[in-house]
Amino acid sequence: MATMGRSTARLWRWRSNPLRRRVDVVEAWIILAAWLCAIAGGLVAAWVTGSRADEGYDRMRAEHRPVPAVVVKRANSQPTTGPTSNRRVLATVRWTGADGHMHTGTTQVKAVLSQGDRIRVWTDSQNHLTAEPLSPTNAMFQSAMVGLTAAGGAGVVVLIGLQGVQAGLGRRRMHLWADDWERADRRWGGTIV
């Protein structure tokens, strides 16, 4: 007995076959279209979201600027866990904004710093404290990860939809087979129990 290869078994809907039904051909075309949509949709989603994320990171780098600040008061908080040199605590800091006025805010500083130490903080255009923007390399990496996540999400949505369509086509196929067996049984003189 000859055995069908794996690729032959997957492509049986495309070959001429007396058992092949119209629903099988429709399903084959739907599967092909779904995979093409998943790939194309994933690529488009990756490009759009990655580009938007990169634009946002570029905008943050352009709008946020470093300014020198002085630690005014350390908060009475326990340092976070981690290596001694990287422990951080909350502290009140003061800096001169782009508008020339003194500003005060709370941010995390290294635990080894004390009152009067000079540090660098990042502010936005309204002189509010912000996080340091990502470096161009980190921003590119983050944009790529956002794009890949969007591509995966788009592909998964399309393929989940495909599973639903295949389930419906499978039910239709089973109804057609049941009808054919019933007709064959009557032709042979039997009755379906």
Protein backbone atom coordinates (compact mmCIF):
# COMPACT_ATOMS: atom_id res chain seq x y z
CA MET A 1 0.00 0.00 0.00
CA ALA A 2 1.45 3.35 -1.03
CA THR A 3 1.61 6.02 1.61
CA MET A 4 1.01 9.67 1.01
CA GLY A 5 3.82 12.05 1.88
CA ARG A 6 3.17 14.79 4.37
CA SER A 7 3.15 17.54 1.71
CA THR A 8 0.90 15.46 -0.55
CA ALA A 9 -1.57 14.97 2.29
CA ARG A 10 -1.66 18.71 2.95
CA LEU A 11 -2.28 19.54 -0.71
CA TRP A 12 -5.01 16.95 -1.33
CA ARG A 13 -7.65 19.66 -1.66
CA TRP A 14 -5.88 21.08 -4.72
CA ARG A 15 -5.61 17.78 -6.60
CA SER A 16 -8.37 16.24 -8.65
CA ASN A 17 -10.03 13.63 -6.47
CA PRO A 18 -13.45 11.96 -6.68
CA LEU A 19 -13.93 12.51 -2.91
CA ARG A 20 -13.06 16.19 -3.08
CA ARG A 21 -16.05 18.46 -2.63
CA ARG A 22 -16.57 22.11 -3.38
CA VAL A 23 -16.28 22.86 0.35
CA ASP A 24 -12.77 21.34 0.28
CA VAL A 25 -11.68 23.65 -2.55
CA VAL A 26 -13.24 26.65 -0.79
CA GLU A 27 -11.41 25.72 2.38
CA ALA A 28 -8.10 25.41 0.52
CA TRP A 29 -8.52 28.90 -0.96
CA ILE A 30 -9.54 30.32 2.42
CA ILE A 31 -6.48 28.78 4.08
CA LEU A 32 -4.21 30.23 1.40
CA ALA A 33 -5.85 33.67 1.69
CA ALA A 34 -5.67 33.59 5.50
CA TRP A 35 -1.97 32.79 5.50
CA LEU A 36 -1.28 35.54 2.98
CA CYS A 37 -3.36 37.98 5.06
CA ALA A 38 -1.57 36.91 8.25
CA ILE A 39 1.83 37.49 6.67
CA ALA A 40 0.90 40.74 4.93
CA GLY A 41 -1.08 42.03 7.91
CA GLY A 42 1.74 41.14 10.25
CA LEU A 43 4.27 42.98 8.11
CA VAL A 44 2.06 46.06 7.85
CA ALA A 45 1.29 46.01 11.58
CA ALA A 46 4.99 45.64 12.39
CA TRP A 47 5.97 48.51 10.11
CA VAL A 48 3.23 50.89 11.29
CA THR A 49 3.60 50.27 15.02
CA GLY A 50 7.39 50.14 14.89
CA SER A 51 7.48 53.43 12.98
CA ARG A 52 5.06 55.09 15.39
CA ALA A 53 7.03 53.89 18.41
CA ASP A 54 10.26 55.13 16.85
CA GLU A 55 8.68 58.54 16.16
CA GLY A 56 7.55 58.72 19.78
CA TYR A 57 11.03 57.89 21.07
CA ASP A 58 12.55 60.48 18.71
CA ARG A 59 10.04 63.08 19.94
CA MET A 60 10.91 62.25 23.56
CA ARG A 61 14.63 62.69 22.85
CA ALA A 62 13.92 66.04 21.17
CA GLU A 63 11.58 67.38 23.89
CA HIS A 64 13.32 66.08 27.03
CA ARG A 65 16.55 67.71 28.05
CA PRO A 66 19.05 67.16 30.85
CA VAL A 67 19.45 69.89 33.44
CA PRO A 68 21.75 70.10 36.47
CA ALA A 69 19.99 69.78 39.81
CA VAL A 70 20.87 69.75 43.50
CA VAL A 71 19.59 67.22 46.04
CA VAL A 72 17.63 69.27 48.58
CA LYS A 73 16.36 66.51 50.83
CA ARG A 74 16.47 62.74 50.79
CA ALA A 75 13.25 60.95 51.62
CA ASN A 76 13.10 58.76 54.70
CA SER A 77 12.69 55.60 52.68
CA GLN A 78 14.55 52.37 52.60
CA PRO A 79 16.70 51.89 49.52
CA THR A 80 15.41 49.46 46.96
CA THR A 81 17.11 46.10 46.70
CA GLY A 82 19.95 45.63 44.29
CA PRO A 83 23.68 46.17 44.09
CA THR A 84 24.94 48.80 46.53
CA SER A 85 26.01 51.23 43.79
CA ASN A 86 22.61 51.04 42.07
CA ARG A 87 20.30 51.40 45.07
CA ARG A 88 17.88 54.26 44.62
CA VAL A 89 15.80 56.33 47.02
CA LEU A 90 13.35 59.17 46.58
CA ALA A 91 14.77 62.64 47.03
CA THR A 92 13.63 66.21 46.55
CA VAL A 93 15.71 68.04 43.97
CA ARG A 94 15.89 71.65 42.78
CA TRP A 95 16.84 72.88 39.31
CA THR A 96 16.65 75.97 37.17
CA GLY A 97 14.25 75.50 34.28
CA ALA A 98 14.50 76.80 30.73
CA ASP A 99 12.22 79.65 31.84
CA GLY A 100 14.88 80.82 34.34
CA HIS A 101 12.77 79.97 37.42
CA MET A 102 13.70 77.57 40.19
CA HIS A 103 11.72 74.33 40.24
CA THR A 104 11.48 71.59 42.84
CA GLY A 105 10.40 67.99 42.40
CA THR A 106 10.81 64.46 43.66
CA THR A 107 12.78 61.83 41.80
CA GLN A 108 14.80 58.71 42.45
CA VAL A 109 18.49 59.18 43.10
CA LYS A 110 21.33 56.87 44.05
CA ALA A 111 21.24 55.99 47.74
CA VAL A 112 24.83 57.16 48.23
CA LEU A 113 23.90 60.78 47.44
CA SER A 114 23.20 63.25 50.23
CA GLN A 115 21.87 66.78 50.58
CA GLY A 116 23.78 69.27 48.42
CA ASP A 117 25.07 66.74 45.88
CA ARG A 118 24.75 67.72 42.25
CA ILE A 119 22.99 65.40 39.81
CA ARG A 120 21.52 65.50 36.34
CA VAL A 121 17.73 65.24 35.88
CA TRP A 122 15.60 65.22 32.74
CA THR A 123 12.75 67.68 32.19
CA ASP A 124 10.13 68.22 29.52
CA SER A 125 9.10 71.48 27.84
CA GLN A 126 6.92 72.42 30.86
CA ASN A 127 9.87 71.92 33.24
CA HIS A 128 8.37 68.76 34.77
CA LEU A 129 10.66 65.93 35.78
CA THR A 130 10.64 63.04 33.33
CA ALA A 131 12.49 59.82 32.81
CA GLU A 132 15.65 59.85 30.76
CA PRO A 133 14.75 59.16 27.12
CA LEU A 134 15.96 55.97 25.49
CA SER A 135 19.22 56.05 23.60
CA PRO A 136 18.88 55.68 19.81
CA THR A 137 20.04 52.05 20.05
CA ASN A 138 17.59 51.18 22.82
CA ALA A 139 14.82 53.06 21.03
CA MET A 140 15.48 51.08 17.86
CA PHE A 141 15.39 47.82 19.83
CA GLN A 142 12.15 48.81 21.61
CA SER A 143 10.57 49.84 18.28
CA ALA A 144 11.54 46.50 16.77
CA MET A 145 10.01 44.64 19.73
CA VAL A 146 6.80 46.67 19.47
CA GLY A 147 6.66 45.91 15.75
CA LEU A 148 7.25 42.19 16.26
CA THR A 149 4.58 42.07 18.94
CA ALA A 150 2.10 43.77 16.63
CA ALA A 151 3.03 41.40 13.80
CA GLY A 152 2.47 38.40 16.03
CA GLY A 153 -0.83 39.81 17.26
CA ALA A 154 -2.10 40.46 13.74
CA GLY A 155 -1.07 36.97 12.62
CA VAL A 156 -2.72 35.34 15.62
CA VAL A 157 -5.99 37.21 15.05
CA VAL A 158 -6.12 36.11 11.41
CA LEU A 159 -5.24 32.52 12.22
CA ILE A 160 -7.81 32.32 15.03
CA GLY A 161 -10.40 33.57 12.56
CA LEU A 162 -9.22 30.89 10.15
CA GLN A 163 -9.77 28.22 12.80
CA GLY A 164 -13.35 29.43 13.25
CA VAL A 165 -13.98 29.31 9.50
CA GLN A 166 -12.44 25.85 9.26
CA ALA A 167 -14.64 24.63 12.10
CA GLY A 168 -17.73 25.86 10.24
CA LEU A 169 -16.56 24.28 6.98
CA GLY A 170 -15.84 21.03 8.83
CA ARG A 171 -19.41 20.96 10.16
CA ARG A 172 -20.70 21.63 6.63
CA ARG A 173 -18.51 18.83 5.28
CA MET A 174 -19.85 16.38 7.88
CA HIS A 175 -23.46 17.30 7.00
CA LEU A 176 -22.73 16.69 3.32
CA TRP A 177 -21.16 13.34 4.11
CA ALA A 178 -24.13 12.37 6.29
CA ASP A 179 -26.55 13.28 3.47
CA ASP A 180 -24.55 11.24 0.96
CA TRP A 181 -24.42 8.22 3.27
CA GLU A 182 -28.16 8.45 3.80
CA ARG A 183 -28.76 8.51 0.03
CA ALA A 184 -26.37 5.58 -0.46
CA ASP A 185 -28.05 3.61 2.29
CA ARG A 186 -31.49 4.10 0.71
CA ARG A 187 -30.10 3.04 -2.69
CA TRP A 188 -28.76 -0.13 -1.17
CA GLY A 189 -32.09 -0.86 0.46
CA GLY A 190 -31.10 -0.15 4.06
CA THR A 191 -32.43 2.33 6.56
CA ILE A 192 -30.50 4.66 8.77
CA VAL A 193 -31.04 3.84 12.41
